[in-house]
Each structure stands twice: as structure tokens, then as C-alpha cells.
N, C-alpha and C. Protein backbone atom coordinates (compact mmCIF):
# COMPACT_ATOMS: atom_id res chain seq x y z
N MET A 1 35.37 -54.87 -0.63
CA MET A 1 35.22 -54.67 -1.96
C MET A 1 33.97 -53.57 -2.27
N GLU A 2 34.34 -52.83 -3.04
CA GLU A 2 33.56 -51.65 -3.04
C GLU A 2 33.17 -51.28 -4.65
N GLY A 3 32.25 -50.73 -4.98
CA GLY A 3 32.08 -50.53 -6.40
C GLY A 3 31.06 -49.21 -6.44
N SER A 4 30.97 -48.79 -7.51
CA SER A 4 30.24 -47.37 -7.85
C SER A 4 29.89 -47.36 -9.22
N HIS A 5 29.05 -46.78 -9.70
CA HIS A 5 28.67 -46.59 -11.16
C HIS A 5 28.45 -44.97 -11.26
N GLU A 6 29.15 -44.43 -12.31
CA GLU A 6 29.20 -43.11 -12.89
C GLU A 6 28.16 -42.82 -13.91
N ASP A 7 27.95 -41.37 -14.13
CA ASP A 7 27.25 -40.89 -15.20
C ASP A 7 28.08 -39.53 -15.33
N ASN A 8 28.46 -39.32 -16.55
CA ASN A 8 29.50 -38.09 -16.63
C ASN A 8 30.36 -37.66 -15.64
N GLY A 9 31.00 -38.66 -15.09
CA GLY A 9 31.82 -38.45 -13.91
C GLY A 9 31.27 -38.31 -12.78
N THR A 10 30.06 -38.18 -12.36
CA THR A 10 29.47 -38.19 -11.24
C THR A 10 29.05 -39.39 -10.49
N ILE A 11 29.38 -39.90 -9.42
CA ILE A 11 28.89 -41.11 -8.92
C ILE A 11 27.50 -41.22 -8.65
N VAL A 12 26.71 -41.86 -8.99
CA VAL A 12 25.42 -41.73 -9.08
C VAL A 12 24.82 -43.20 -8.15
N GLY A 13 25.45 -44.19 -7.91
CA GLY A 13 25.42 -45.50 -7.45
C GLY A 13 26.65 -46.11 -6.61
N HIS A 14 26.22 -46.80 -5.49
CA HIS A 14 27.47 -47.29 -4.60
C HIS A 14 27.08 -48.57 -3.90
N ILE A 15 28.03 -49.50 -3.76
CA ILE A 15 27.76 -50.53 -3.13
C ILE A 15 28.80 -50.94 -2.48
N ILE A 16 28.94 -51.56 -1.26
CA ILE A 16 29.73 -51.86 -0.28
C ILE A 16 29.85 -53.37 0.06
N CYS A 17 30.84 -54.03 0.31
CA CYS A 17 30.82 -55.45 0.79
C CYS A 17 32.07 -55.69 1.65
N ASN A 18 31.69 -56.60 2.56
CA ASN A 18 32.74 -56.82 3.45
C ASN A 18 32.69 -58.27 3.82
N LYS A 19 33.44 -58.64 4.60
CA LYS A 19 33.75 -60.30 5.02
C LYS A 19 32.93 -60.56 6.21
N ALA A 20 32.28 -61.77 6.05
CA ALA A 20 31.66 -62.34 6.97
C ALA A 20 31.76 -63.72 7.05
N VAL A 21 31.09 -64.43 8.13
CA VAL A 21 31.41 -65.89 8.05
C VAL A 21 30.02 -66.71 8.75
N VAL A 22 30.20 -68.07 8.27
CA VAL A 22 29.07 -68.83 8.99
C VAL A 22 29.81 -69.97 9.73
N LYS A 23 29.31 -70.02 11.03
CA LYS A 23 30.03 -70.90 11.96
C LYS A 23 29.08 -71.93 12.40
N LYS A 24 29.69 -73.05 12.42
CA LYS A 24 28.98 -74.51 13.01
C LYS A 24 29.84 -75.35 13.62
N GLY A 25 29.60 -75.15 14.98
CA GLY A 25 30.67 -76.04 15.75
C GLY A 25 32.04 -75.38 15.30
N ASN A 26 33.08 -76.37 15.27
CA ASN A 26 34.42 -75.48 14.93
C ASN A 26 34.84 -75.21 13.49
N ARG A 27 33.61 -75.42 12.88
CA ARG A 27 33.83 -74.93 11.15
C ARG A 27 33.48 -73.71 11.01
N VAL A 28 34.31 -72.90 10.30
CA VAL A 28 33.85 -71.32 10.24
C VAL A 28 34.51 -71.07 8.47
N LEU A 29 33.05 -70.92 7.93
CA LEU A 29 33.16 -70.68 6.42
C LEU A 29 33.00 -69.41 6.19
N PRO A 30 33.97 -68.55 5.48
CA PRO A 30 34.04 -67.32 5.17
C PRO A 30 32.87 -67.21 3.72
N VAL A 31 32.25 -66.00 3.92
CA VAL A 31 31.44 -65.62 2.91
C VAL A 31 31.41 -64.17 2.81
N LEU A 32 30.75 -63.51 1.98
CA LEU A 32 30.66 -62.04 1.51
C LEU A 32 29.34 -61.49 2.21
N ASN A 33 29.29 -60.35 2.63
CA ASN A 33 28.31 -59.67 3.07
C ASN A 33 28.01 -58.40 1.98
N PHE A 34 26.86 -57.99 1.73
CA PHE A 34 26.78 -56.71 1.06
C PHE A 34 25.94 -55.78 1.67
N GLY A 35 26.01 -54.62 1.50
CA GLY A 35 25.37 -53.50 1.79
C GLY A 35 26.13 -52.38 2.65
N PRO A 36 25.64 -51.12 2.36
CA PRO A 36 24.40 -50.77 1.99
C PRO A 36 24.70 -50.76 0.27
N LEU A 37 23.53 -50.57 -0.60
CA LEU A 37 23.46 -50.28 -1.96
C LEU A 37 23.15 -49.13 -2.05
N ASN A 38 23.44 -48.00 -2.71
CA ASN A 38 22.88 -46.74 -2.72
C ASN A 38 22.86 -46.13 -3.99
N VAL A 39 21.43 -45.46 -4.42
CA VAL A 39 21.46 -44.75 -5.88
C VAL A 39 20.83 -43.43 -5.78
N LEU A 40 21.45 -42.67 -6.24
CA LEU A 40 20.64 -41.23 -6.02
C LEU A 40 19.23 -41.21 -6.59
N PRO A 41 18.43 -40.64 -5.67
CA PRO A 41 17.01 -40.65 -6.22
C PRO A 41 16.53 -40.25 -7.61
N GLU A 42 17.05 -39.56 -8.24
CA GLU A 42 17.04 -39.17 -9.74
C GLU A 42 17.57 -40.17 -10.84
N TYR A 43 18.42 -41.29 -10.16
CA TYR A 43 18.73 -42.20 -10.96
C TYR A 43 18.29 -43.44 -10.73
N GLN A 44 17.29 -43.71 -9.79
CA GLN A 44 16.68 -44.98 -9.35
C GLN A 44 15.59 -45.08 -10.36
N ARG A 45 15.53 -46.59 -10.60
CA ARG A 45 14.53 -47.25 -11.57
C ARG A 45 15.11 -47.04 -12.92
N ARG A 46 16.46 -46.91 -12.96
CA ARG A 46 17.13 -46.62 -14.34
C ARG A 46 18.35 -47.77 -14.53
N GLY A 47 18.13 -48.81 -13.76
CA GLY A 47 19.03 -49.96 -13.76
C GLY A 47 20.41 -49.77 -13.27
N VAL A 48 20.63 -48.72 -12.28
CA VAL A 48 21.93 -48.61 -11.69
C VAL A 48 22.12 -49.52 -10.66
N GLY A 49 21.13 -49.73 -9.88
CA GLY A 49 21.20 -50.81 -8.87
C GLY A 49 21.16 -52.07 -9.17
N TRP A 50 20.62 -52.39 -10.56
CA TRP A 50 20.63 -53.75 -10.98
C TRP A 50 22.25 -53.94 -11.72
N ALA A 51 22.70 -53.12 -12.02
CA ALA A 51 24.11 -53.20 -12.72
C ALA A 51 25.26 -53.44 -11.67
N LEU A 52 24.86 -52.51 -10.45
CA LEU A 52 25.98 -52.90 -9.08
C LEU A 52 25.73 -54.14 -8.89
N ILE A 53 24.35 -54.62 -8.68
CA ILE A 53 24.46 -55.83 -8.08
C ILE A 53 24.78 -57.03 -8.79
N ARG A 54 24.69 -56.86 -10.02
CA ARG A 54 25.21 -57.90 -11.23
C ARG A 54 26.66 -57.93 -11.16
N ALA A 55 27.40 -56.72 -11.15
CA ALA A 55 28.78 -56.63 -11.16
C ALA A 55 29.35 -57.07 -9.80
N MET A 56 28.67 -56.85 -8.76
CA MET A 56 29.11 -57.20 -7.38
C MET A 56 29.18 -58.83 -7.26
N ILE A 57 28.17 -59.31 -7.85
CA ILE A 57 28.03 -60.88 -7.92
C ILE A 57 29.20 -61.37 -8.90
N GLU A 58 29.35 -60.76 -9.76
CA GLU A 58 30.25 -61.34 -10.79
C GLU A 58 32.04 -61.10 -10.26
N ARG A 59 32.00 -60.12 -9.53
CA ARG A 59 33.29 -59.65 -8.99
C ARG A 59 33.67 -60.69 -7.94
N ALA A 60 32.65 -60.95 -7.12
CA ALA A 60 32.73 -61.90 -5.82
C ALA A 60 33.13 -63.45 -6.37
N LYS A 61 32.43 -63.63 -7.42
CA LYS A 61 32.83 -65.02 -8.06
C LYS A 61 34.40 -65.18 -8.43
N ARG A 62 34.53 -64.02 -8.96
CA ARG A 62 36.00 -63.97 -9.64
C ARG A 62 37.21 -63.91 -8.72
N ILE A 63 36.86 -63.24 -7.44
CA ILE A 63 37.68 -63.39 -6.39
C ILE A 63 37.50 -64.61 -5.61
N ASP A 64 36.73 -65.46 -5.73
CA ASP A 64 36.74 -66.83 -5.20
C ASP A 64 35.98 -67.06 -3.92
N TYR A 65 34.74 -66.06 -3.91
CA TYR A 65 33.76 -66.07 -2.76
C TYR A 65 32.93 -67.34 -2.98
N GLY A 66 32.46 -68.09 -1.97
CA GLY A 66 31.48 -69.17 -2.14
C GLY A 66 30.23 -68.91 -1.97
N ALA A 67 29.91 -67.63 -1.29
CA ALA A 67 28.52 -67.52 -1.00
C ALA A 67 28.52 -65.89 -0.36
N ILE A 68 27.30 -65.33 -0.82
CA ILE A 68 27.02 -63.84 -0.27
C ILE A 68 25.76 -64.11 0.44
N LEU A 69 25.80 -63.58 1.79
CA LEU A 69 24.70 -63.33 2.64
C LEU A 69 24.59 -61.94 3.19
N PHE A 70 23.03 -61.63 3.42
CA PHE A 70 23.13 -60.21 3.77
C PHE A 70 21.52 -59.98 4.18
N PHE A 71 21.14 -58.95 4.79
CA PHE A 71 19.75 -58.38 5.23
C PHE A 71 19.37 -57.50 3.99
N GLY A 72 18.21 -57.67 3.38
CA GLY A 72 17.70 -57.04 2.47
C GLY A 72 16.09 -56.97 2.16
N ARG A 73 15.81 -56.31 1.21
CA ARG A 73 14.28 -56.45 0.85
C ARG A 73 13.93 -57.63 0.31
N PRO A 74 13.24 -58.63 0.89
CA PRO A 74 12.85 -59.99 0.46
C PRO A 74 12.11 -59.72 -1.04
N GLU A 75 11.48 -58.67 -1.26
CA GLU A 75 10.57 -58.70 -2.47
C GLU A 75 11.39 -58.21 -3.65
N TYR A 76 12.75 -57.73 -3.43
CA TYR A 76 13.51 -57.19 -4.57
C TYR A 76 14.84 -58.19 -4.88
N TYR A 77 15.49 -58.67 -3.99
CA TYR A 77 16.72 -59.38 -4.30
C TYR A 77 16.61 -61.04 -4.93
N PRO A 78 15.26 -61.32 -4.70
CA PRO A 78 15.33 -62.90 -5.50
C PRO A 78 15.23 -62.69 -6.91
N ARG A 79 14.88 -61.79 -7.69
CA ARG A 79 15.31 -61.53 -9.01
C ARG A 79 16.88 -61.76 -9.38
N PHE A 80 17.78 -61.69 -8.44
CA PHE A 80 18.91 -61.86 -8.70
C PHE A 80 19.42 -63.03 -8.49
N GLY A 81 18.62 -64.00 -7.92
CA GLY A 81 18.97 -65.37 -7.49
C GLY A 81 19.14 -65.66 -5.87
N PHE A 82 18.86 -64.48 -5.26
CA PHE A 82 18.93 -64.67 -3.61
C PHE A 82 17.95 -65.38 -3.11
N LYS A 83 18.10 -66.20 -2.23
CA LYS A 83 17.09 -66.86 -1.63
C LYS A 83 17.12 -66.76 -0.22
N GLU A 84 15.93 -66.97 0.75
CA GLU A 84 16.00 -67.20 2.15
C GLU A 84 17.00 -67.79 2.86
N ALA A 85 17.85 -67.23 3.54
CA ALA A 85 18.96 -68.21 4.15
C ALA A 85 18.57 -69.50 4.64
N ASP A 86 17.40 -69.29 5.18
CA ASP A 86 16.85 -70.64 5.79
C ASP A 86 16.77 -71.72 4.88
N VAL A 87 16.86 -71.72 3.70
CA VAL A 87 16.98 -72.70 2.40
C VAL A 87 18.24 -73.19 2.73
N TYR A 88 19.19 -72.45 3.24
CA TYR A 88 20.58 -73.27 3.27
C TYR A 88 20.64 -73.55 4.61
N GLY A 89 19.79 -73.42 5.64
CA GLY A 89 19.67 -73.85 6.91
C GLY A 89 20.73 -72.84 8.07
N ILE A 90 20.77 -71.65 7.41
CA ILE A 90 21.69 -70.89 8.13
C ILE A 90 20.77 -69.68 8.98
N ALA A 91 21.22 -69.63 10.11
CA ALA A 91 20.35 -68.41 10.92
C ALA A 91 21.12 -67.35 11.24
N ASP A 92 20.83 -66.11 11.73
CA ASP A 92 21.70 -65.20 12.26
C ASP A 92 22.39 -65.29 13.66
N ALA A 93 23.29 -64.86 14.05
CA ALA A 93 23.84 -64.83 15.22
C ALA A 93 23.35 -65.16 16.37
N GLU A 94 21.99 -65.04 16.39
CA GLU A 94 21.25 -65.24 17.53
C GLU A 94 20.44 -66.48 17.54
N GLY A 95 20.48 -67.05 16.19
CA GLY A 95 19.64 -68.28 15.91
C GLY A 95 18.13 -68.15 15.32
N TYR A 96 18.09 -66.92 14.91
CA TYR A 96 16.93 -66.37 14.26
C TYR A 96 17.13 -66.35 12.80
N ASN A 97 15.81 -66.44 12.02
CA ASN A 97 15.54 -66.10 10.50
C ASN A 97 14.73 -65.25 10.31
N TYR A 98 14.67 -64.67 9.06
CA TYR A 98 13.74 -63.50 8.86
C TYR A 98 13.57 -63.70 7.12
N LEU A 99 12.53 -63.16 6.66
CA LEU A 99 12.48 -63.30 5.37
C LEU A 99 13.35 -62.13 4.57
N SER A 100 13.95 -61.49 5.48
CA SER A 100 14.82 -60.41 4.96
C SER A 100 16.44 -60.90 4.91
N PHE A 101 16.72 -61.87 5.43
CA PHE A 101 17.88 -62.66 5.66
C PHE A 101 18.00 -63.52 4.26
N MET A 102 18.82 -63.24 3.49
CA MET A 102 19.10 -63.77 2.01
C MET A 102 20.56 -64.24 1.86
N ALA A 103 20.49 -65.16 0.94
CA ALA A 103 21.81 -66.02 0.53
C ALA A 103 21.73 -66.36 -0.76
N MET A 104 23.11 -66.49 -1.36
CA MET A 104 23.15 -66.89 -2.64
C MET A 104 24.59 -67.63 -2.74
N GLU A 105 24.52 -68.99 -3.09
CA GLU A 105 25.76 -69.64 -3.39
C GLU A 105 26.38 -69.33 -4.58
N LEU A 106 27.41 -68.93 -4.59
CA LEU A 106 28.42 -68.63 -5.77
C LEU A 106 28.85 -69.96 -6.37
N LYS A 107 29.25 -70.84 -5.37
CA LYS A 107 29.72 -72.28 -6.01
C LYS A 107 28.65 -73.34 -5.14
N GLU A 108 28.20 -74.10 -6.04
CA GLU A 108 26.97 -75.07 -5.77
C GLU A 108 27.61 -75.91 -4.49
N GLY A 109 26.63 -76.14 -3.53
CA GLY A 109 26.98 -76.81 -2.53
C GLY A 109 27.90 -76.32 -1.33
N TYR A 110 28.23 -74.95 -1.57
CA TYR A 110 29.36 -74.38 -0.80
C TYR A 110 28.48 -74.38 0.79
N LEU A 111 27.46 -74.05 0.93
CA LEU A 111 26.97 -73.67 2.22
C LEU A 111 26.50 -75.08 2.87
N LYS A 112 26.58 -76.26 2.28
CA LYS A 112 25.99 -77.63 2.75
C LYS A 112 26.89 -77.83 4.08
N GLU A 113 28.22 -77.90 4.10
CA GLU A 113 28.85 -78.22 5.18
C GLU A 113 28.72 -77.29 6.38
N VAL A 114 27.89 -76.35 6.25
CA VAL A 114 27.55 -75.59 7.65
C VAL A 114 26.04 -75.34 7.98
N TYR A 115 25.39 -76.33 7.03
CA TYR A 115 23.72 -76.15 7.48
C TYR A 115 23.51 -76.28 8.82
N GLY A 116 22.78 -75.49 9.20
CA GLY A 116 22.43 -75.27 10.73
C GLY A 116 23.35 -74.44 11.67
N GLY A 117 24.25 -73.59 10.76
CA GLY A 117 25.26 -72.73 11.27
C GLY A 117 24.63 -71.43 11.41
N LYS A 118 25.38 -70.46 11.95
CA LYS A 118 24.80 -69.20 12.38
C LYS A 118 26.01 -68.05 11.41
N TYR A 119 25.22 -67.03 11.25
CA TYR A 119 25.98 -66.12 10.50
C TYR A 119 26.31 -64.90 11.32
N PHE A 120 27.77 -64.56 11.11
CA PHE A 120 28.28 -63.39 11.97
C PHE A 120 28.92 -62.33 11.18
N GLU A 121 28.62 -61.09 11.00
CA GLU A 121 28.84 -59.85 10.31
C GLU A 121 30.10 -59.67 10.60
N SER A 122 31.06 -59.00 9.88
CA SER A 122 32.29 -58.42 10.36
C SER A 122 32.12 -57.53 11.65
N ASP A 123 33.31 -57.71 12.32
CA ASP A 123 33.32 -56.98 13.64
C ASP A 123 33.33 -55.41 13.48
N ILE A 124 33.81 -54.97 12.10
CA ILE A 124 33.59 -53.65 12.10
C ILE A 124 32.18 -53.18 12.26
N TYR A 125 30.90 -53.64 12.58
CA TYR A 125 29.77 -53.43 12.90
C TYR A 125 29.65 -53.37 14.40
N ASP A 126 30.52 -53.85 15.26
CA ASP A 126 30.31 -53.68 16.67
C ASP A 126 30.78 -52.38 17.08
N ASP A 127 29.91 -51.54 17.17
CA ASP A 127 29.96 -50.16 17.67
C ASP A 127 30.91 -49.79 18.83
N GLU A 128 30.75 -50.78 19.95
CA GLU A 128 31.26 -50.63 21.14
C GLU A 128 33.00 -50.86 20.76
N ARG A 129 33.11 -51.91 20.20
CA ARG A 129 34.65 -52.43 19.81
C ARG A 129 35.23 -51.41 18.90
N ASN A 130 34.77 -50.78 17.87
CA ASN A 130 35.27 -49.97 16.78
C ASN A 130 34.94 -48.28 16.97
N ARG A 131 34.39 -48.11 18.05
CA ARG A 131 34.39 -46.54 18.14
C ARG A 131 35.26 -45.54 17.90
N GLU A 132 36.41 -45.91 18.67
CA GLU A 132 37.67 -45.13 18.56
C GLU A 132 38.43 -45.24 17.30
N THR A 133 38.31 -46.26 16.38
CA THR A 133 38.80 -46.85 15.23
C THR A 133 38.17 -45.76 14.04
N VAL A 134 36.79 -45.82 14.46
CA VAL A 134 35.83 -45.05 13.30
C VAL A 134 36.25 -43.69 13.60
N ARG A 135 36.40 -43.18 14.95
CA ARG A 135 36.43 -41.56 15.11
C ARG A 135 37.93 -41.29 14.48
N ALA A 136 38.97 -42.14 14.92
CA ALA A 136 40.18 -41.87 14.38
C ALA A 136 39.99 -41.78 12.59
N PHE A 137 39.20 -42.57 12.09
CA PHE A 137 39.31 -42.55 10.72
C PHE A 137 38.58 -41.23 10.23
N ASP A 138 37.59 -40.90 10.73
CA ASP A 138 36.85 -39.69 10.38
C ASP A 138 37.58 -38.34 10.75
N ARG A 139 38.59 -38.44 11.79
CA ARG A 139 39.26 -37.31 11.82
C ARG A 139 40.31 -36.95 10.83
N GLU A 140 40.61 -38.00 10.10
CA GLU A 140 41.57 -37.89 8.70
C GLU A 140 40.85 -36.91 7.78
N PHE A 141 39.51 -36.62 7.73
CA PHE A 141 38.85 -36.14 6.78
C PHE A 141 38.17 -34.73 7.32
N THR A 142 38.40 -34.59 8.52
CA THR A 142 38.01 -33.17 9.19
C THR A 142 39.07 -32.52 10.06
N ASN A 143 38.81 -31.60 10.52
CA ASN A 143 39.95 -31.02 11.17
C ASN A 143 39.78 -31.02 12.95
N GLY A 144 38.81 -31.91 13.08
CA GLY A 144 38.56 -32.36 14.49
C GLY A 144 39.12 -33.68 14.61
């Protein structure tokens, strides 16, 4: 899932989401991850990021995701309803938790069945496994 914000035909902000999971034992619960969120410097502090995040949350609900988890600035994202993932009993893949590891249930109680579980991002972030796939994709846009 991807979204952008335009001003007179110029893209001034952009947000990307991808699939992730929370695992506990044999249970694998699909969730949404988001990031990065980017806004051109000259458009920052003008509501672009706010609009992108609100639109992302609403779209995630419409396409039936139950929760969003990600790593982000803990002083910024609670205003949208995000909480520390530890509130839901979820740790990162290594079993750690951080103030910057945040979560939001889009369906009440969705994360309850994986309380004590671990969060795993999409395999797309595994550099070793996806290096050639990324290079092939990049070659579509260059002469190399």
C-alpha cells in the first residue's frame, strides 16, 4: 500500500506500507507495517504528514487490516493513537522492546491472541535474500 500528497501536480509527501506478521507459537497474525513517511522540507509543518498518516490508517481499516506496527518517533505518533507495542505484549523479532516500537489496533482486541508474540517485518527488508531482486528492479530504471 502506498500513498502520496500532491500540490499543483508535485508530489510533496509520500508514505509506504507493507505486510508484516506477529508470531506466537504456531499462530501467525498478519499486520501492516508502515514507513518511510517522507515530506519535502518546504512542506513540513503544514499538515502533509498528518494527512498521509490519517489516510493510511483509514485505508488500512477499509482493506481490513487489524493492526499497524512500526518503528518511529515516540514523541510524534501517539497523537494518532499509536502506543508502545509493549502495551499489546509484542516484542521485536529478537524479543526486545523499545519506546520507538509502536502499534495500533484497528480492530479492538485484534492483538490479544498474540500477546507475548514477536513482530517480523516483510522479507523485503532482508538485504542478503533480496539483493539480486532489488538490483534487477533498479536495472529497469537505468541503463545498467
